[in-house]
Structure formats: structure tokens, C-alpha cells
N, C-alpha and C. Protein backbone atom coordinates (compact mmCIF):
# COMPACT_ATOMS: atom_id res chain seq x y z
N UNK A 1 -1.79 -21.52 10.83
CA UNK A 1 -2.70 -20.98 10.14
C UNK A 1 -3.44 -20.90 8.80
N UNK A 2 -4.52 -21.01 8.68
CA UNK A 2 -5.33 -21.27 7.08
C UNK A 2 -5.52 -20.13 6.10
N UNK A 3 -5.79 -20.70 5.26
CA UNK A 3 -6.25 -19.18 4.22
C UNK A 3 -7.13 -18.87 4.96
N UNK A 4 -7.09 -17.06 4.76
CA UNK A 4 -7.92 -16.36 4.91
C UNK A 4 -9.30 -16.50 3.69
N UNK A 5 -10.48 -16.72 4.06
CA UNK A 5 -11.63 -16.80 3.35
C UNK A 5 -12.07 -15.41 2.92
N UNK A 6 -12.49 -15.09 2.06
CA UNK A 6 -13.10 -14.02 1.96
C UNK A 6 -14.29 -14.15 1.20
N UNK A 7 -15.67 -13.16 1.34
CA UNK A 7 -16.54 -13.50 -0.32
C UNK A 7 -16.76 -12.65 -1.36
N UNK A 8 -17.16 -12.99 -2.18
CA UNK A 8 -17.01 -12.44 -3.65
C UNK A 8 -16.82 -10.88 -3.29
N UNK A 9 -17.88 -10.24 -3.00
CA UNK A 9 -17.66 -8.65 -2.59
C UNK A 9 -16.16 -8.35 -2.45
N UNK A 10 -15.91 -9.07 -1.15
CA UNK A 10 -14.77 -8.89 -0.60
C UNK A 10 -13.21 -9.00 -1.68
N UNK A 11 -13.36 -10.35 -2.68
CA UNK A 11 -12.21 -10.09 -3.32
C UNK A 11 -12.24 -9.19 -4.27
N UNK A 12 -13.60 -8.99 -4.77
CA UNK A 12 -13.79 -8.29 -5.89
C UNK A 12 -13.39 -6.59 -5.72
N UNK A 13 -13.81 -6.13 -4.14
CA UNK A 13 -13.31 -4.50 -3.31
C UNK A 13 -11.79 -4.64 -3.79
N UNK A 14 -11.22 -5.85 -2.89
CA UNK A 14 -9.31 -5.40 -2.65
C UNK A 14 -8.82 -6.01 -4.24
N UNK A 15 -9.20 -6.59 -5.07
CA UNK A 15 -9.27 -6.67 -6.49
C UNK A 15 -9.04 -5.09 -7.36
N UNK A 16 -10.40 -4.40 -7.05
CA UNK A 16 -10.44 -3.04 -7.78
C UNK A 16 -9.70 -2.65 -7.32
N UNK A 17 -8.99 -2.06 -6.11
CA UNK A 17 -8.28 -1.48 -5.37
C UNK A 17 -6.82 -1.73 -5.65
N UNK A 18 -5.75 -3.04 -5.91
CA UNK A 18 -4.91 -3.05 -6.43
C UNK A 18 -5.28 -3.11 -7.69
N UNK A 19 -5.90 -2.91 -8.39
CA UNK A 19 -5.84 -3.16 -9.85
C UNK A 19 -5.93 -1.40 -10.55
N UNK A 20 -6.84 -1.04 -10.20
CA UNK A 20 -6.10 0.82 -9.78
C UNK A 20 -5.01 1.41 -9.21
N UNK A 21 -4.20 0.65 -8.14
CA UNK A 21 -3.47 1.54 -7.71
C UNK A 21 -2.33 1.23 -8.21
N UNK A 22 -1.80 -1.09 -8.88
CA UNK A 22 -0.71 -1.15 -9.55
C UNK A 22 -1.38 -0.44 -11.20
N UNK A 23 -2.19 0.03 -11.52
CA UNK A 23 -2.31 0.42 -12.62
C UNK A 23 -2.24 1.92 -12.41
N UNK A 24 -1.78 2.56 -11.94
CA UNK A 24 -1.85 3.83 -12.11
C UNK A 24 -0.14 4.39 -11.97
N UNK A 25 0.12 3.45 -11.03
CA UNK A 25 1.84 3.77 -10.79
C UNK A 25 2.69 2.90 -12.02
N UNK A 26 1.70 1.98 -12.36
CA UNK A 26 2.68 1.45 -13.40
C UNK A 26 2.57 2.46 -14.86
N UNK A 27 1.51 3.34 -15.34
CA UNK A 27 1.44 4.40 -16.22
C UNK A 27 2.78 5.27 -15.41
N UNK A 28 2.65 5.65 -14.38
CA UNK A 28 3.83 6.74 -14.17
C UNK A 28 4.82 6.44 -14.53
N UNK A 29 5.28 5.05 -14.22
CA UNK A 29 6.76 4.61 -14.18
C UNK A 29 7.01 4.07 -15.50
N UNK A 30 6.29 4.39 -16.60
CA UNK A 30 6.22 3.88 -18.21
C UNK A 30 6.36 5.16 -18.70
N UNK A 31 5.50 6.32 -17.81
CA UNK A 31 5.48 7.87 -19.03
C UNK A 31 6.36 8.74 -18.48
N UNK A 32 6.51 8.59 -17.51
CA UNK A 32 7.87 9.82 -17.14
C UNK A 32 9.36 9.75 -17.22
N UNK A 33 9.74 10.31 -17.44
CA UNK A 33 11.54 9.86 -17.45
C UNK A 33 12.26 10.94 -16.77
N UNK A 34 11.95 11.69 -16.47
CA UNK A 34 12.85 12.72 -14.77
C UNK A 34 12.04 11.82 -13.58
N UNK A 35 13.39 12.10 -12.60
CA UNK A 35 13.41 11.61 -11.11
C UNK A 35 11.97 12.58 -10.45
N UNK A 36 12.06 13.90 -10.60
CA UNK A 36 10.94 14.96 -9.99
C UNK A 36 9.55 14.65 -10.46
N UNK A 37 10.01 15.32 -11.94
CA UNK A 37 8.33 14.65 -12.47
C UNK A 37 7.56 13.17 -12.16
N UNK A 38 8.49 12.51 -11.90
CA UNK A 38 8.30 11.12 -11.82
C UNK A 38 7.77 11.29 -10.35
N UNK A 39 8.50 11.61 -9.17
CA UNK A 39 8.33 11.57 -8.07
C UNK A 39 7.16 12.58 -7.48
N UNK A 40 6.50 13.46 -8.59
CA UNK A 40 5.78 14.87 -8.17
C UNK A 40 4.40 14.11 -8.78
N UNK A 41 4.41 13.18 -10.10
CA UNK A 41 3.25 12.63 -10.56
C UNK A 41 2.80 11.41 -9.64
N UNK A 42 3.50 10.94 -9.07
CA UNK A 42 3.35 9.62 -8.05
C UNK A 42 2.80 10.22 -6.86
N UNK A 43 3.68 11.43 -6.45
CA UNK A 43 2.53 11.86 -4.97
C UNK A 43 1.24 12.73 -5.82
N UNK A 44 1.08 13.12 -6.66
CA UNK A 44 -0.77 13.27 -7.28
C UNK A 44 -0.88 12.30 -7.61
N UNK A 45 -0.77 11.29 -7.91
CA UNK A 45 -1.78 9.85 -7.93
C UNK A 45 -2.20 9.29 -6.49
N UNK A 46 -0.99 9.30 -5.82
CA UNK A 46 -1.09 9.15 -4.15
C UNK A 46 -2.39 9.91 -3.66
N UNK A 47 -2.51 11.03 -4.00
CA UNK A 47 -3.25 12.39 -2.91
C UNK A 47 -5.05 12.24 -4.37
N UNK A 48 -5.01 12.56 -5.48
CA UNK A 48 -6.27 12.02 -6.31
C UNK A 48 -6.69 10.76 -6.29
N UNK A 49 -6.06 9.56 -6.09
CA UNK A 49 -6.65 8.37 -5.65
C UNK A 49 -6.31 8.02 -4.67
N UNK A 50 -6.73 8.44 -3.66
CA UNK A 50 -6.68 8.87 -2.06
C UNK A 50 -6.30 7.00 -1.69
N UNK A 51 -4.97 6.81 -2.11
CA UNK A 51 -4.43 5.65 -2.35
C UNK A 51 -3.83 5.08 -0.72
N UNK A 52 -3.63 6.20 0.26
CA UNK A 52 -3.60 5.12 1.24
C UNK A 52 -5.09 4.90 2.41
N UNK A 53 -6.23 5.50 1.46
CA UNK A 53 -7.52 5.13 2.13
C UNK A 53 -7.80 3.99 1.85
N UNK A 54 -7.40 3.82 0.07
CA UNK A 54 -7.56 2.67 -0.22
C UNK A 54 -6.99 1.50 0.26
N UNK A 55 -5.85 1.35 0.45
CA UNK A 55 -4.85 0.49 1.09
C UNK A 55 -5.45 0.26 2.79
N UNK A 56 -5.47 0.87 3.24
CA UNK A 56 -6.42 1.14 4.71
C UNK A 56 -7.14 0.18 4.40
N UNK A 57 -8.83 0.66 3.06
CA UNK A 57 -9.81 -0.44 3.20
C UNK A 57 -9.23 -2.00 2.94
N UNK A 58 -8.72 -2.35 2.21
CA UNK A 58 -7.83 -3.17 2.21
C UNK A 58 -7.69 -4.38 3.60
N UNK A 59 -6.58 -3.53 4.65
CA UNK A 59 -6.48 -3.91 5.48
C UNK A 59 -7.53 -3.82 6.11
N UNK A 60 -8.94 -3.34 6.43
CA UNK A 60 -9.70 -3.46 7.34
C UNK A 60 -10.60 -4.67 6.82
N UNK A 61 -10.77 -5.46 5.30
CA UNK A 61 -11.35 -5.99 4.83
C UNK A 61 -10.74 -6.86 5.44
N UNK A 62 -9.43 -7.38 5.16
CA UNK A 62 -8.75 -8.44 5.82
C UNK A 62 -8.83 -8.81 7.37
N UNK A 63 -8.94 -7.54 8.02
CA UNK A 63 -8.56 -7.72 9.47
C UNK A 63 -10.25 -8.08 9.70
N UNK A 64 -11.09 -7.67 9.25
CA UNK A 64 -12.29 -8.23 9.48
C UNK A 64 -12.49 -10.14 9.51
N UNK A 65 -11.99 -10.24 8.32
CA UNK A 65 -12.04 -11.44 7.77
C UNK A 65 -11.47 -12.39 8.88
N UNK A 66 -10.03 -11.79 9.06
CA UNK A 66 -9.38 -12.72 10.21
C UNK A 66 -10.11 -12.66 11.41
N UNK A 67 -10.27 -12.03 11.99
CA UNK A 67 -11.14 -11.98 12.91
C UNK A 67 -12.09 -12.94 13.66
N UNK A 68 -12.62 -12.91 11.93
CA UNK A 68 -14.03 -13.99 12.10
C UNK A 68 -13.55 -15.24 11.81
N UNK A 69 -12.31 -15.75 11.61
CA UNK A 69 -11.95 -16.88 10.82
C UNK A 69 -10.72 -17.33 11.95
N UNK A 70 -9.95 -16.61 13.00
CA UNK A 70 -9.31 -17.21 13.52
C UNK A 70 -9.63 -17.30 15.16
N UNK A 71 -8.33 -18.02 15.62
CA UNK A 71 -8.71 -18.24 16.91
C UNK A 71 -8.10 -16.86 17.60
N UNK A 72 -8.55 -16.29 19.12
CA UNK A 72 -7.61 -15.30 19.11
C UNK A 72 -6.54 -15.12 18.99
N UNK A 73 -5.68 -16.64 20.23
CA UNK A 73 -4.51 -16.81 19.50
C UNK A 73 -3.84 -16.03 18.34
N UNK A 74 -4.53 -16.57 17.03
CA UNK A 74 -3.97 -16.94 16.08
C UNK A 74 -4.23 -15.40 15.82
N UNK A 75 -4.96 -14.85 15.99
CA UNK A 75 -5.08 -13.44 15.52
C UNK A 75 -3.73 -12.31 16.06
N UNK A 76 -4.05 -12.79 17.44
CA UNK A 76 -3.06 -12.06 18.16
C UNK A 76 -1.53 -12.59 17.76
N UNK A 77 -0.77 -13.74 17.40
CA UNK A 77 0.16 -14.23 16.52
C UNK A 77 0.61 -13.01 15.73
N UNK A 78 -0.67 -13.21 15.15
CA UNK A 78 -0.16 -12.15 13.58
C UNK A 78 -0.25 -10.54 13.54
N UNK A 79 -1.74 -9.98 14.56
CA UNK A 79 -1.15 -8.84 14.57
C UNK A 79 -0.18 -8.43 15.43
N UNK A 80 0.37 -8.90 16.43
CA UNK A 80 2.08 -8.59 17.50
C UNK A 80 3.01 -9.08 16.94
N UNK A 81 3.17 -9.55 15.72
CA UNK A 81 4.22 -9.38 15.01
C UNK A 81 5.08 -8.43 14.76
N UNK A 82 6.35 -8.47 15.14
CA UNK A 82 6.96 -7.02 14.64
C UNK A 82 7.06 -6.54 13.26
N UNK A 83 6.65 -5.47 12.43
CA UNK A 83 6.77 -5.65 10.81
C UNK A 83 7.89 -4.05 11.37
N UNK A 84 8.45 -4.35 10.39
CA UNK A 84 9.58 -3.25 10.19
C UNK A 84 9.28 -2.02 9.33
N UNK A 85 9.11 -0.95 9.33
CA UNK A 85 8.40 -0.15 8.91
C UNK A 85 9.58 1.39 8.24
N UNK A 86 9.28 1.63 7.27
CA UNK A 86 10.59 2.32 6.30
C UNK A 86 10.31 3.42 7.04
N UNK A 87 11.37 3.99 7.57
CA UNK A 87 11.68 5.66 7.92
C UNK A 87 12.03 6.27 6.91
N UNK A 88 11.18 7.36 7.12
CA UNK A 88 11.16 8.47 6.05
C UNK A 88 12.41 9.50 6.51
N UNK A 89 13.11 9.87 5.35
CA UNK A 89 14.67 10.48 5.90
C UNK A 89 13.79 12.15 6.14
N UNK A 90 13.01 12.79 7.25
CA UNK A 90 12.63 13.44 7.93
C UNK A 90 13.12 14.80 7.26
N UNK A 91 14.89 14.57 7.73
CA UNK A 91 15.97 15.81 7.75
C UNK A 91 16.45 15.94 6.56
N UNK A 92 16.66 15.41 5.59
CA UNK A 92 16.97 15.26 4.09
C UNK A 92 16.41 16.44 3.63
N UNK A 93 17.19 16.67 2.78
CA UNK A 93 17.01 18.25 1.68
C UNK A 93 16.57 17.49 0.27
N UNK A 94 15.99 18.38 -0.62
CA UNK A 94 15.44 17.71 -1.37
C UNK A 94 16.27 17.25 -2.29
N UNK A 95 17.43 17.84 -2.58
CA UNK A 95 18.50 17.61 -3.47
C UNK A 95 19.02 15.88 -2.73
N UNK A 96 18.79 15.38 -1.30
CA UNK A 96 19.71 14.37 -1.02
C UNK A 96 18.38 13.56 -0.98
N UNK A 97 17.15 14.34 -0.84
CA UNK A 97 15.84 13.03 -1.84
C UNK A 97 15.87 12.64 -2.61
N UNK A 98 16.44 13.64 -3.91
CA UNK A 98 16.20 13.19 -5.08
C UNK A 98 17.67 12.08 -5.73
N UNK A 99 18.60 12.45 -4.75
CA UNK A 99 20.10 12.04 -4.94
C UNK A 99 19.21 10.18 -4.47
N UNK A 100 18.90 10.14 -3.19
CA UNK A 100 17.94 8.28 -3.28
C UNK A 100 17.27 7.87 -3.71
N UNK A 101 16.53 8.67 -4.35
CA UNK A 101 15.97 8.31 -5.31
C UNK A 101 16.73 7.67 -6.78
N UNK A 102 17.68 8.15 -6.91
CA UNK A 102 18.72 8.02 -8.29
C UNK A 102 19.28 6.46 -7.90
N UNK A 103 19.11 6.42 -6.96
CA UNK A 103 20.47 5.60 -6.61
C UNK A 103 19.99 3.92 -6.84
């Protein structure tokens, strides 16, 4: 598989999204000292910046570029690879979650 080539607008959009996302996460990491406050600020940042929507936009841009530039077989090989996804600790209490963050 070769390098995926994007147009200038696509590069700019991906860079903008990553710059904003990394920027506010970095500000939160350096500006909050308590575990709970940091976690809440991250949650608020994700909500107000629509971070999941923004990351989905990056995935969409890359997916369209891949579909255009790769053969069907190459594209299928990439999207069909198993990706390990973090499993949220749904049954954990607030205290247990905070302990996991502190570890």
C-alpha cells in the first residue's frame, strides 16, 4: 500500500481538527491538577468541541481518499483488519474509575 494523497483542503481540515483537539487537551492537562477536575474538564472539552464528530470527520476524509486511491482488495485488507478497541469499565463506580485514572 502506498501513501494516501489528500488535496490541500483535506490536509488543512485534518490539521485544523488535530490542532484544536490536541491544543485543548494539552491546556486541560497542564491547567488542572485534581483528577476529578481534569476528567470533568476533558469531558466538557469533548462535548463543547464536538470531538467525536471532529474525529469522525477525519475518518471520513481518509476513507474517501482511500476508496479513490486503493484497489478494492487493498481497501478491504485495511478496513477488515481487527482493531483492538478499548472496553469501557461500565460496571465501575466513580471511585473505581478515579483509582484507574490515578494508576
